[in-house]
Amino acid sequence: MTEQYVIQVDHLTKDYGNGRGCRDISLTVRVGEAFGFLGPNGAGKSTLVKMLVGLTRPTGGAAYLFGEPIGTIEARRHIGYLPELYRYQEWLTGEEVLQLHAKLCQLDKAYAKKRIAETLEEVGIGLRGRDRVKHYSKGMQQRLGFACAILSDPKLLFLDEPSSAMDPVGRFEIRQLLQKLRDQGKTLFLNSHLLEDVEVLCDRVALLNNGQIMAQGSVEEVLRSQNRWRLRVAGLTPQHLELLQQMTGDHVKLYFVEKQQEFVWLEAQLKDDEQIGWMNALLVDQGLTLYEVYKVKSRLEEWFRNAVSGLNHRGERV
């Protein structure tokens, strides 16, 4: 186990015998890194997290947290966990829920009292920590779950859909808090359908489908791979488009996007930015008038959609 890795997963597998679970997962997460784990519903993301935090035993492979085998007390000592499905004792107040978690974490009483007040303020609950959980909205309960996850000031946080129940303001506040934790050197492992949050927060991502990793890499690499340009052209005919596609071959993917009066919009997917000059020259050589060219800003959501397009997904009903 290399010390620079907080998480190291080696061919980890969980076979439930019904086609669910995950298979042959290998990945690493470095100290202080924010890692986004993405995939459609039912892909197996939560199964992997449950194995890593010690709630589910793998049927194959191995994994380590801080160099210790998953499931051991040593591996769990410095982690915080916000599950996707959280339930707290509705007859307790928010403060009392955190007091219970402080005891489970074996926090010193004086430190726990100070830390509970700080944490309630950090997650935006504040004085409403004195209210009973049964009076909390879903968003407030999720804030409470986040407070439980960070109460012990863990080095590693596993967050399964950390802001799914929140309104836009709540999502922004939690994103700001996650950014603060990352700046403090915490390591984040984030499962989320909210790809905008992943794009802003994460250094690297992995994409899971049907229990297997399809792709992984840095967010920068993923976004750079989506190199698309829009071109506004006059005089284009179907014959022109067919000829241009023949001339560019596999080097450029060229699409007709939209017609606006005498203009048409084309979209070109390029391997690198230098090709746009060549593309412009080809259009002019065909006697076409080129009015406008701009690069399309890539988003992680588009990469996700393209990556899983046309594939079978287990989904929630399988």
C-alpha atoms as a PDB file:
ATOM      1  CA  MET A   1       0.000   0.000   0.000  1.00  0.00           C
ATOM      2  CA  THR A   2       1.496   3.343  -1.091  1.00  0.00           C
ATOM      3  CA  GLU A   3       1.327   6.077   1.561  1.00  0.00           C
ATOM      4  CA  GLN A   4       0.227   8.760  -0.906  1.00  0.00           C
ATOM      5  CA  TYR A   5      -3.077   6.928  -1.418  1.00  0.00           C
ATOM      6  CA  VAL A   6      -5.903   7.310   1.083  1.00  0.00           C
ATOM      7  CA  ILE A   7      -8.015   4.798  -0.861  1.00  0.00           C
ATOM      8  CA  GLN A   8      -6.680   1.901  -2.875  1.00  0.00           C
ATOM      9  CA  VAL A   9      -9.124  -0.542  -4.483  1.00  0.00           C
ATOM     10  CA  ASP A  10      -7.849  -3.661  -6.227  1.00  0.00           C
ATOM     11  CA  HIS A  11     -10.327  -5.731  -8.294  1.00  0.00           C
ATOM     12  CA  LEU A  12     -13.011  -5.326  -5.630  1.00  0.00           C
ATOM     13  CA  THR A  13     -16.191  -7.322  -6.292  1.00  0.00           C
ATOM     14  CA  LYS A  14     -19.578  -7.751  -4.642  1.00  0.00           C
ATOM     15  CA  ASP A  15     -21.790 -10.424  -6.200  1.00  0.00           C
ATOM     16  CA  TYR A  16     -25.346 -10.545  -4.888  1.00  0.00           C
ATOM     17  CA  GLY A  17     -26.241 -13.370  -7.262  1.00  0.00           C
ATOM     18  CA  ASN A  18     -28.938 -11.337  -9.033  1.00  0.00           C
ATOM     19  CA  GLY A  19     -26.850  -9.309 -11.465  1.00  0.00           C
ATOM     20  CA  ARG A  20     -26.511  -6.364  -9.108  1.00  0.00           C
ATOM     21  CA  GLY A  21     -23.470  -5.273  -7.119  1.00  0.00           C
ATOM     22  CA  CYS A  22     -20.155  -4.389  -8.760  1.00  0.00           C
ATOM     23  CA  ARG A  23     -17.302  -6.296 -10.366  1.00  0.00           C
ATOM     24  CA  ASP A  24     -13.547  -5.968 -10.632  1.00  0.00           C
ATOM     25  CA  ILE A  25     -13.348  -2.345  -9.425  1.00  0.00           C
ATOM     26  CA  SER A  26      -9.836  -0.867  -9.282  1.00  0.00           C
ATOM     27  CA  LEU A  27      -9.100   2.760  -8.417  1.00  0.00           C
ATOM     28  CA  THR A  28      -6.948   4.946  -6.193  1.00  0.00           C
ATOM     29  CA  VAL A  29      -7.612   8.242  -4.424  1.00  0.00           C
ATOM     30  CA  ARG A  30      -4.742  10.432  -3.244  1.00  0.00           C
ATOM     31  CA  VAL A  31      -4.411  12.428  -0.053  1.00  0.00           C
ATOM     32  CA  GLY A  32      -6.415  15.665  -0.265  1.00  0.00           C
ATOM     33  CA  GLU A  33      -8.097  14.692  -3.527  1.00  0.00           C
ATOM     34  CA  ALA A  34     -11.796  15.075  -4.343  1.00  0.00           C
ATOM     35  CA  PHE A  35     -12.941  12.023  -6.322  1.00  0.00           C
ATOM     36  CA  GLY A  36     -16.292  11.852  -8.124  1.00  0.00           C
ATOM     37  CA  PHE A  37     -17.902   8.441  -8.577  1.00  0.00           C
ATOM     38  CA  LEU A  38     -20.586   8.644 -11.263  1.00  0.00           C
ATOM     39  CA  GLY A  39     -23.089   6.322 -12.859  1.00  0.00           C
ATOM     40  CA  PRO A  40     -26.783   5.762 -13.658  1.00  0.00           C
ATOM     41  CA  ASN A  41     -29.222   4.576 -10.999  1.00  0.00           C
ATOM     42  CA  GLY A  42     -28.503   0.968 -10.052  1.00  0.00           C
ATOM     43  CA  ALA A  43     -24.956   1.060 -11.419  1.00  0.00           C
ATOM     44  CA  GLY A  44     -23.439  -0.144  -8.126  1.00  0.00           C
ATOM     45  CA  LYS A  45     -22.029   3.107  -6.729  1.00  0.00           C
ATOM     46  CA  SER A  46     -23.555   2.767  -3.265  1.00  0.00           C
ATOM     47  CA  THR A  47     -22.496  -0.885  -3.112  1.00  0.00           C
ATOM     48  CA  LEU A  48     -18.862   0.127  -3.551  1.00  0.00           C
ATOM     49  CA  VAL A  49     -19.123   2.820  -0.874  1.00  0.00           C
ATOM     50  CA  LYS A  50     -20.761   0.399   1.566  1.00  0.00           C
ATOM     51  CA  MET A  51     -17.861  -2.003   1.049  1.00  0.00           C
ATOM     52  CA  LEU A  52     -15.287   0.735   1.587  1.00  0.00           C
ATOM     53  CA  VAL A  53     -16.850   1.947   4.850  1.00  0.00           C
ATOM     54  CA  GLY A  54     -17.224  -1.607   6.149  1.00  0.00           C
ATOM     55  CA  LEU A  55     -21.016  -2.062   5.941  1.00  0.00           C
ATOM     56  CA  THR A  56     -20.888  -4.763   3.248  1.00  0.00           C
ATOM     57  CA  ARG A  57     -18.348  -7.527   2.810  1.00  0.00           C
ATOM     58  CA  PRO A  58     -16.829  -7.989  -0.669  1.00  0.00           C
ATOM     59  CA  THR A  59     -16.933 -11.357  -2.401  1.00  0.00           C
ATOM     60  CA  GLY A  60     -13.618 -10.757  -4.155  1.00  0.00           C
ATOM     61  CA  GLY A  61     -10.646  -8.433  -4.429  1.00  0.00           C
ATOM     62  CA  ALA A  62      -9.201  -6.159  -1.764  1.00  0.00           C
ATOM     63  CA  ALA A  63      -9.249  -2.516  -0.693  1.00  0.00           C
ATOM     64  CA  TYR A  64      -7.419  -0.349   1.825  1.00  0.00           C
ATOM     65  CA  LEU A  65      -8.096   2.927   3.635  1.00  0.00           C
ATOM     66  CA  PHE A  66      -5.011   4.652   5.033  1.00  0.00           C
ATOM     67  CA  GLY A  67      -3.130   1.420   4.345  1.00  0.00           C
ATOM     68  CA  GLU A  68      -5.492  -0.671   6.475  1.00  0.00           C
ATOM     69  CA  PRO A  69      -7.851  -3.375   5.109  1.00  0.00           C
ATOM     70  CA  ILE A  70     -11.437  -2.166   4.749  1.00  0.00           C
ATOM     71  CA  GLY A  71     -13.801  -3.262   7.502  1.00  0.00           C
ATOM     72  CA  THR A  72     -11.225  -3.005  10.266  1.00  0.00           C
ATOM     73  CA  ILE A  73     -11.487  -0.512  13.128  1.00  0.00           C
ATOM     74  CA  GLU A  74      -8.191   1.033  12.006  1.00  0.00           C
ATOM     75  CA  ALA A  75      -9.554   1.645   8.502  1.00  0.00           C
ATOM     76  CA  ARG A  76     -12.749   3.250   9.838  1.00  0.00           C
ATOM     77  CA  ARG A  77     -11.134   5.380  12.527  1.00  0.00           C
ATOM     78  CA  HIS A  78     -10.644   8.488  10.365  1.00  0.00           C
ATOM     79  CA  ILE A  79     -13.664   8.388   8.045  1.00  0.00           C
ATOM     80  CA  GLY A  80     -17.001  10.193   7.919  1.00  0.00           C
ATOM     81  CA  TYR A  81     -19.970   8.811   6.004  1.00  0.00           C
ATOM     82  CA  LEU A  82     -23.212  10.321   4.720  1.00  0.00           C
ATOM     83  CA  PRO A  83     -25.372   7.493   3.302  1.00  0.00           C
ATOM     84  CA  GLU A  84     -27.864   8.039   0.511  1.00  0.00           C
ATOM     85  CA  LEU A  85     -30.706   6.757   2.697  1.00  0.00           C
ATOM     86  CA  TYR A  86     -30.429   8.374   6.120  1.00  0.00           C
ATOM     87  CA  ARG A  87     -32.840   8.043   9.019  1.00  0.00           C
ATOM     88  CA  TYR A  88     -32.446   9.684  12.410  1.00  0.00           C
ATOM     89  CA  GLN A  89     -34.461   9.242  15.596  1.00  0.00           C
ATOM     90  CA  GLU A  90     -37.343  11.651  15.041  1.00  0.00           C
ATOM     91  CA  TRP A  91     -38.012  12.016  18.793  1.00  0.00           C
ATOM     92  CA  LEU A  92     -34.499  13.427  19.357  1.00  0.00           C
ATOM     93  CA  THR A  93     -33.380  16.995  18.692  1.00  0.00           C
ATOM     94  CA  GLY A  94     -30.634  17.665  16.166  1.00  0.00           C
ATOM     95  CA  GLU A  95     -28.243  18.350  19.059  1.00  0.00           C
ATOM     96  CA  GLU A  96     -29.135  15.043  20.690  1.00  0.00           C
ATOM     97  CA  VAL A  97     -28.487  13.139  17.457  1.00  0.00           C
ATOM     98  CA  LEU A  98     -25.026  14.685  17.318  1.00  0.00           C
ATOM     99  CA  GLN A  99     -24.444  13.943  21.011  1.00  0.00           C
ATOM    100  CA  LEU A 100     -25.165  10.280  20.254  1.00  0.00           C
ATOM    101  CA  HIS A 101     -22.732  10.317  17.330  1.00  0.00           C
ATOM    102  CA  ALA A 102     -20.116  12.051  19.477  1.00  0.00           C
ATOM    103  CA  LYS A 103     -20.341   9.166  21.977  1.00  0.00           C
ATOM    104  CA  LEU A 104     -20.045   6.625  19.143  1.00  0.00           C
ATOM    105  CA  CYS A 105     -16.923   8.472  17.954  1.00  0.00           C
ATOM    106  CA  GLN A 106     -15.603   8.512  21.543  1.00  0.00           C
ATOM    107  CA  LEU A 107     -15.134  12.287  21.534  1.00  0.00           C
ATOM    108  CA  ASP A 108     -14.136  14.027  24.748  1.00  0.00           C
ATOM    109  CA  LYS A 109     -17.230  15.610  26.366  1.00  0.00           C
ATOM    110  CA  ALA A 110     -15.893  19.164  26.442  1.00  0.00           C
ATOM    111  CA  TYR A 111     -14.630  18.923  22.858  1.00  0.00           C
ATOM    112  CA  ALA A 112     -17.894  17.291  21.729  1.00  0.00           C
ATOM    113  CA  LYS A 113     -20.000  20.136  23.153  1.00  0.00           C
ATOM    114  CA  LYS A 114     -17.887  22.738  21.348  1.00  0.00           C
ATOM    115  CA  ARG A 115     -17.736  20.684  18.146  1.00  0.00           C
ATOM    116  CA  ILE A 116     -21.517  20.075  18.026  1.00  0.00           C
ATOM    117  CA  ALA A 117     -22.227  23.811  18.184  1.00  0.00           C
ATOM    118  CA  GLU A 118     -19.640  24.515  15.472  1.00  0.00           C
ATOM    119  CA  THR A 119     -20.926  21.751  13.212  1.00  0.00           C
ATOM    120  CA  LEU A 120     -24.589  22.761  13.486  1.00  0.00           C
ATOM    121  CA  GLU A 121     -23.568  26.269  12.450  1.00  0.00           C
ATOM    122  CA  GLU A 122     -21.368  25.007   9.600  1.00  0.00           C
ATOM    123  CA  VAL A 123     -24.144  22.970   7.963  1.00  0.00           C
ATOM    124  CA  GLY A 124     -26.739  25.734   8.305  1.00  0.00           C
ATOM    125  CA  ILE A 125     -28.905  24.252  11.087  1.00  0.00           C
ATOM    126  CA  GLY A 126     -27.808  26.640  13.844  1.00  0.00           C
ATOM    127  CA  LEU A 127     -30.318  27.123  16.649  1.00  0.00           C
ATOM    128  CA  ARG A 128     -32.750  24.749  14.966  1.00  0.00           C
ATOM    129  CA  GLY A 129     -30.540  22.038  16.408  1.00  0.00           C
ATOM    130  CA  ARG A 130     -32.799  22.367  19.463  1.00  0.00           C
ATOM    131  CA  ASP A 131     -35.832  21.262  17.410  1.00  0.00           C
ATOM    132  CA  ARG A 132     -36.875  17.626  17.157  1.00  0.00           C
ATOM    133  CA  VAL A 133     -35.929  15.800  13.972  1.00  0.00           C
ATOM    134  CA  LYS A 134     -39.605  15.073  13.179  1.00  0.00           C
ATOM    135  CA  HIS A 135     -40.017  18.802  12.483  1.00  0.00           C
ATOM    136  CA  TYR A 136     -37.140  18.886   9.973  1.00  0.00           C
ATOM    137  CA  SER A 137     -37.702  19.021   6.219  1.00  0.00           C
ATOM    138  CA  LYS A 138     -35.841  16.530   3.994  1.00  0.00           C
ATOM    139  CA  GLY A 139     -33.235  19.182   3.280  1.00  0.00           C
ATOM    140  CA  MET A 140     -32.743  19.863   6.993  1.00  0.00           C
ATOM    141  CA  GLN A 141     -32.404  16.136   7.697  1.00  0.00           C
ATOM    142  CA  GLN A 142     -29.755  15.928   5.008  1.00  0.00           C
ATOM    143  CA  ARG A 143     -27.899  18.820   6.633  1.00  0.00           C
ATOM    144  CA  LEU A 144     -28.074  16.887   9.906  1.00  0.00           C
ATOM    145  CA  GLY A 145     -26.636  13.820   8.166  1.00  0.00           C
ATOM    146  CA  PHE A 146     -23.806  15.936   6.845  1.00  0.00           C
ATOM    147  CA  ALA A 147     -23.195  17.241  10.373  1.00  0.00           C
ATOM    148  CA  CYS A 148     -22.947  13.651  11.632  1.00  0.00           C
ATOM    149  CA  ALA A 149     -20.438  12.852   8.880  1.00  0.00           C
ATOM    150  CA  ILE A 150     -18.076  15.725   9.690  1.00  0.00           C
ATOM    151  CA  LEU A 151     -18.569  15.832  13.479  1.00  0.00           C
ATOM    152  CA  SER A 152     -15.355  13.944  14.334  1.00  0.00           C
ATOM    153  CA  ASP A 153     -13.306  16.058  11.889  1.00  0.00           C
ATOM    154  CA  PRO A 154     -12.450  13.010   9.740  1.00  0.00           C
ATOM    155  CA  LYS A 155      -9.603  12.906   7.236  1.00  0.00           C
ATOM    156  CA  LEU A 156     -11.735  11.081   4.632  1.00  0.00           C
ATOM    157  CA  LEU A 157     -15.386  11.747   3.792  1.00  0.00           C
ATOM    158  CA  PHE A 158     -17.665   9.379   1.870  1.00  0.00           C
ATOM    159  CA  LEU A 159     -20.688  11.331   0.647  1.00  0.00           C
ATOM    160  CA  ASP A 160     -23.518   9.518  -1.136  1.00  0.00           C
ATOM    161  CA  GLU A 161     -25.707  12.137  -2.863  1.00  0.00           C
ATOM    162  CA  PRO A 162     -24.878  14.834  -0.270  1.00  0.00           C
ATOM    163  CA  SER A 163     -27.258  17.520  -1.566  1.00  0.00           C
ATOM    164  CA  SER A 164     -29.957  15.583  -3.455  1.00  0.00           C
ATOM    165  CA  ALA A 165     -32.792  16.695  -1.136  1.00  0.00           C
ATOM    166  CA  MET A 166     -31.795  20.352  -1.033  1.00  0.00           C
ATOM    167  CA  ASP A 167     -33.019  23.414  -2.862  1.00  0.00           C
ATOM    168  CA  PRO A 168     -30.568  25.451  -5.002  1.00  0.00           C
ATOM    169  CA  VAL A 169     -29.525  27.638  -2.049  1.00  0.00           C
ATOM    170  CA  GLY A 170     -28.850  24.598   0.112  1.00  0.00           C
ATOM    171  CA  ARG A 171     -26.882  22.921  -2.676  1.00  0.00           C
ATOM    172  CA  PHE A 172     -24.712  26.012  -3.036  1.00  0.00           C
ATOM    173  CA  GLU A 173     -24.062  26.181   0.711  1.00  0.00           C
ATOM    174  CA  ILE A 174     -23.078  22.499   0.908  1.00  0.00           C
ATOM    175  CA  ARG A 175     -20.849  22.906  -2.131  1.00  0.00           C
ATOM    176  CA  GLN A 176     -19.125  25.826  -0.408  1.00  0.00           C
ATOM    177  CA  LEU A 177     -18.622  23.714   2.710  1.00  0.00           C
ATOM    178  CA  LEU A 178     -17.180  20.836   0.682  1.00  0.00           C
ATOM    179  CA  GLN A 179     -14.795  23.261  -1.018  1.00  0.00           C
ATOM    180  CA  LYS A 180     -13.724  24.513   2.420  1.00  0.00           C
ATOM    181  CA  LEU A 181     -13.106  20.943   3.613  1.00  0.00           C
ATOM    182  CA  ARG A 182     -11.098  20.203   0.492  1.00  0.00           C
ATOM    183  CA  ASP A 183      -9.013  23.346   1.025  1.00  0.00           C
ATOM    184  CA  GLN A 184      -8.296  22.067   4.550  1.00  0.00           C
ATOM    185  CA  GLY A 185      -6.737  18.950   3.039  1.00  0.00           C
ATOM    186  CA  LYS A 186      -9.636  16.547   3.571  1.00  0.00           C
ATOM    187  CA  THR A 187     -10.081  13.730   1.055  1.00  0.00           C
ATOM    188  CA  LEU A 188     -13.567  13.530  -0.488  1.00  0.00           C
ATOM    189  CA  PHE A 189     -15.219  10.565  -2.196  1.00  0.00           C
ATOM    190  CA  LEU A 190     -18.395  11.877  -3.763  1.00  0.00           C
ATOM    191  CA  ASN A 191     -21.304   9.937  -5.282  1.00  0.00           C
ATOM    192  CA  SER A 192     -23.643  12.362  -6.993  1.00  0.00           C
ATOM    193  CA  HIS A 193     -26.146  12.728  -9.818  1.00  0.00           C
ATOM    194  CA  LEU A 194     -25.567  16.490  -9.645  1.00  0.00           C
ATOM    195  CA  LEU A 195     -22.743  16.620 -12.157  1.00  0.00           C
ATOM    196  CA  GLU A 196     -22.364  20.393 -11.887  1.00  0.00           C
ATOM    197  CA  ASP A 197     -21.247  19.885  -8.281  1.00  0.00           C
ATOM    198  CA  VAL A 198     -18.808  17.145  -9.299  1.00  0.00           C
ATOM    199  CA  GLU A 199     -17.401  19.305 -12.085  1.00  0.00           C
ATOM    200  CA  VAL A 200     -16.740  22.202  -9.691  1.00  0.00           C
ATOM    201  CA  LEU A 201     -15.402  20.165  -6.754  1.00  0.00           C
ATOM    202  CA  CYS A 202     -13.629  17.073  -8.040  1.00  0.00           C
ATOM    203  CA  ASP A 203     -10.106  16.489  -9.314  1.00  0.00           C
ATOM    204  CA  ARG A 204     -10.819  13.099 -10.877  1.00  0.00           C
ATOM    205  CA  VAL A 205     -13.881  11.025 -11.779  1.00  0.00           C
ATOM    206  CA  ALA A 206     -14.785   7.436 -12.572  1.00  0.00           C
ATOM    207  CA  LEU A 207     -17.875   6.317 -14.482  1.00  0.00           C
ATOM    208  CA  LEU A 208     -19.617   3.116 -13.411  1.00  0.00           C
ATOM    209  CA  ASN A 209     -22.250   1.245 -15.430  1.00  0.00           C
ATOM    210  CA  ASN A 210     -23.747  -2.156 -14.643  1.00  0.00           C
ATOM    211  CA  GLY A 211     -21.241  -2.650 -11.853  1.00  0.00           C
ATOM    212  CA  GLN A 212     -18.093  -2.028 -13.899  1.00  0.00           C
ATOM    213  CA  ILE A 213     -15.910   1.027 -14.414  1.00  0.00           C
ATOM    214  CA  MET A 214     -16.171   2.249 -18.010  1.00  0.00           C
ATOM    215  CA  ALA A 215     -13.829   5.231 -17.792  1.00  0.00           C
ATOM    216  CA  GLN A 216     -11.848   7.263 -15.297  1.00  0.00           C
ATOM    217  CA  GLY A 217      -9.500  10.220 -15.398  1.00  0.00           C
ATOM    218  CA  SER A 218      -9.060  13.802 -14.333  1.00  0.00           C
ATOM    219  CA  VAL A 219     -11.983  16.184 -14.805  1.00  0.00           C
ATOM    220  CA  GLU A 220      -9.706  18.362 -16.931  1.00  0.00           C
ATOM    221  CA  GLU A 221      -8.907  15.446 -19.266  1.00  0.00           C
ATOM    222  CA  VAL A 222     -12.554  14.458 -19.551  1.00  0.00           C
ATOM    223  CA  LEU A 223     -13.674  17.966 -20.455  1.00  0.00           C
ATOM    224  CA  ARG A 224     -10.770  18.462 -22.849  1.00  0.00           C
ATOM    225  CA  SER A 225     -11.779  15.285 -24.700  1.00  0.00           C
ATOM    226  CA  GLN A 226     -15.074  16.957 -25.604  1.00  0.00           C
ATOM    227  CA  ASN A 227     -13.477  19.343 -28.124  1.00  0.00           C
ATOM    228  CA  ARG A 228     -16.380  20.803 -30.086  1.00  0.00           C
ATOM    229  CA  TRP A 229     -16.764  23.893 -32.270  1.00  0.00           C
ATOM    230  CA  ARG A 230     -19.815  25.633 -33.750  1.00  0.00           C
ATOM    231  CA  LEU A 231     -19.595  27.205 -37.212  1.00  0.00           C
ATOM    232  CA  ARG A 232     -22.200  29.522 -38.843  1.00  0.00           C
ATOM    233  CA  VAL A 233     -22.061  29.010 -42.593  1.00  0.00           C
ATOM    234  CA  ALA A 234     -23.947  30.337 -45.646  1.00  0.00           C
ATOM    235  CA  GLY A 235     -24.339  28.494 -48.950  1.00  0.00           C
ATOM    236  CA  LEU A 236     -24.130  24.962 -47.550  1.00  0.00           C
ATOM    237  CA  THR A 237     -25.946  22.212 -49.469  1.00  0.00           C
ATOM    238  CA  PRO A 238     -26.335  18.515 -48.562  1.00  0.00           C
ATOM    239  CA  GLN A 239     -23.734  17.803 -51.251  1.00  0.00           C
ATOM    240  CA  HIS A 240     -21.275  20.158 -49.554  1.00  0.00           C
ATOM    241  CA  LEU A 241     -21.800  18.439 -46.222  1.00  0.00           C
ATOM    242  CA  GLU A 242     -21.295  14.969 -47.696  1.00  0.00           C
ATOM    243  CA  LEU A 243     -18.102  16.093 -49.481  1.00  0.00           C
ATOM    244  CA  LEU A 244     -16.727  17.712 -46.326  1.00  0.00           C
ATOM    245  CA  GLN A 245     -17.384  14.542 -44.349  1.00  0.00           C
ATOM    246  CA  GLN A 246     -15.510  12.522 -46.982  1.00  0.00           C
ATOM    247  CA  MET A 247     -12.582  14.967 -46.941  1.00  0.00           C
ATOM    248  CA  THR A 248     -12.224  15.036 -43.152  1.00  0.00           C
ATOM    249  CA  GLY A 249     -12.700  11.267 -42.690  1.00  0.00           C
ATOM    250  CA  ASP A 250     -12.014  10.043 -39.162  1.00  0.00           C
ATOM    251  CA  HIS A 251     -10.136  13.214 -38.206  1.00  0.00           C
ATOM    252  CA  VAL A 252     -13.260  15.316 -37.686  1.00  0.00           C
ATOM    253  CA  LYS A 253     -16.845  14.456 -36.804  1.00  0.00           C
ATOM    254  CA  LEU A 254     -19.075  16.966 -38.572  1.00  0.00           C
ATOM    255  CA  TYR A 255     -22.771  17.435 -37.754  1.00  0.00           C
ATOM    256  CA  PHE A 256     -25.591  19.579 -39.123  1.00  0.00           C
ATOM    257  CA  VAL A 257     -27.157  21.311 -36.108  1.00  0.00           C
ATOM    258  CA  GLU A 258     -29.688  23.954 -37.154  1.00  0.00           C
ATOM    259  CA  LYS A 259     -30.890  26.097 -40.054  1.00  0.00           C
ATOM    260  CA  GLN A 260     -31.588  29.804 -39.525  1.00  0.00           C
ATOM    261  CA  GLN A 261     -32.940  31.559 -42.620  1.00  0.00           C
ATOM    262  CA  GLU A 262     -29.996  31.659 -45.086  1.00  0.00           C
ATOM    263  CA  PHE A 263     -27.493  30.350 -42.522  1.00  0.00           C
ATOM    264  CA  VAL A 264     -26.825  26.897 -41.098  1.00  0.00           C
ATOM    265  CA  TRP A 265     -25.003  25.896 -37.950  1.00  0.00           C
ATOM    266  CA  LEU A 266     -22.481  23.081 -38.136  1.00  0.00           C
ATOM    267  CA  GLU A 267     -20.797  21.364 -35.240  1.00  0.00           C
ATOM    268  CA  ALA A 268     -17.323  19.843 -35.550  1.00  0.00           C
ATOM    269  CA  GLN A 269     -15.837  17.480 -32.974  1.00  0.00           C
ATOM    270  CA  LEU A 270     -12.066  17.796 -33.236  1.00  0.00           C
ATOM    271  CA  LYS A 271      -9.107  15.971 -31.763  1.00  0.00           C
ATOM    272  CA  ASP A 272      -7.250  19.226 -31.045  1.00  0.00           C
ATOM    273  CA  ASP A 273      -7.763  22.974 -31.432  1.00  0.00           C
ATOM    274  CA  GLU A 274      -5.267  23.270 -34.290  1.00  0.00           C
ATOM    275  CA  GLN A 275      -7.726  21.447 -36.579  1.00  0.00           C
ATOM    276  CA  ILE A 276     -10.205  24.320 -36.524  1.00  0.00           C
ATOM    277  CA  GLY A 277      -7.995  26.359 -38.878  1.00  0.00           C
ATOM    278  CA  TRP A 278      -7.923  23.453 -41.335  1.00  0.00           C
ATOM    279  CA  MET A 279     -11.711  23.101 -41.008  1.00  0.00           C
ATOM    280  CA  ASN A 280     -12.214  26.801 -41.768  1.00  0.00           C
ATOM    281  CA  ALA A 281      -9.998  26.554 -44.848  1.00  0.00           C
ATOM    282  CA  LEU A 282     -11.959  23.557 -46.181  1.00  0.00           C
ATOM    283  CA  LEU A 283     -15.223  25.467 -45.898  1.00  0.00           C
ATOM    284  CA  VAL A 284     -13.842  28.518 -47.702  1.00  0.00           C
ATOM    285  CA  ASP A 285     -12.277  26.328 -50.416  1.00  0.00           C
ATOM    286  CA  GLN A 286     -15.753  24.953 -51.157  1.00  0.00           C
ATOM    287  CA  GLY A 287     -17.002  28.477 -51.876  1.00  0.00           C
ATOM    288  CA  LEU A 288     -18.914  28.744 -48.603  1.00  0.00           C
ATOM    289  CA  THR A 289     -19.125  31.873 -46.483  1.00  0.00           C
ATOM    290  CA  LEU A 290     -18.017  31.454 -42.884  1.00  0.00           C
ATOM    291  CA  TYR A 291     -19.603  34.045 -40.591  1.00  0.00           C
ATOM    292  CA  GLU A 292     -18.891  32.823 -37.085  1.00  0.00           C
ATOM    293  CA  VAL A 293     -16.785  30.219 -35.257  1.00  0.00           C
ATOM    294  CA  TYR A 294     -16.675  29.537 -31.525  1.00  0.00           C
ATOM    295  CA  LYS A 295     -15.674  26.750 -29.185  1.00  0.00           C
ATOM    296  CA  VAL A 296     -18.461  25.021 -27.267  1.00  0.00           C
ATOM    297  CA  LYS A 297     -17.827  24.909 -23.537  1.00  0.00           C
ATOM    298  CA  SER A 298     -17.830  21.258 -22.504  1.00  0.00           C
ATOM    299  CA  ARG A 299     -19.672  20.027 -19.441  1.00  0.00           C
ATOM    300  CA  LEU A 300     -19.273  16.879 -17.422  1.00  0.00           C
ATOM    301  CA  GLU A 301     -22.977  16.153 -17.854  1.00  0.00           C
ATOM    302  CA  GLU A 302     -22.527  15.916 -21.610  1.00  0.00           C
ATOM    303  CA  TRP A 303     -19.559  13.550 -21.233  1.00  0.00           C
ATOM    304  CA  PHE A 304     -21.646  11.377 -18.903  1.00  0.00           C
ATOM    305  CA  ARG A 305     -24.589  11.330 -21.302  1.00  0.00           C
ATOM    306  CA  ASN A 306     -22.437  10.483 -24.309  1.00  0.00           C
ATOM    307  CA  ALA A 307     -20.562   7.764 -22.417  1.00  0.00           C
ATOM    308  CA  VAL A 308     -23.682   5.835 -21.408  1.00  0.00           C
ATOM    309  CA  SER A 309     -25.762   6.576 -24.517  1.00  0.00           C
ATOM    310  CA  GLY A 310     -27.022   3.389 -26.165  1.00  0.00           C
ATOM    311  CA  LEU A 311     -25.928   1.147 -23.295  1.00  0.00           C
ATOM    312  CA  ASN A 312     -28.171  -1.027 -21.173  1.00  0.00           C
ATOM    313  CA  HIS A 313     -28.653   0.104 -17.575  1.00  0.00           C
ATOM    314  CA  ARG A 314     -29.867  -2.031 -14.706  1.00  0.00           C
ATOM    315  CA  GLY A 315     -31.854   0.904 -13.356  1.00  0.00           C
ATOM    316  CA  GLU A 316     -33.911   0.948 -10.212  1.00  0.00           C
ATOM    317  CA  ARG A 317     -36.494  -1.666 -11.211  1.00  0.00           C
ATOM    318  CA  VAL A 318     -34.091  -4.554 -11.906  1.00  0.00           C
END
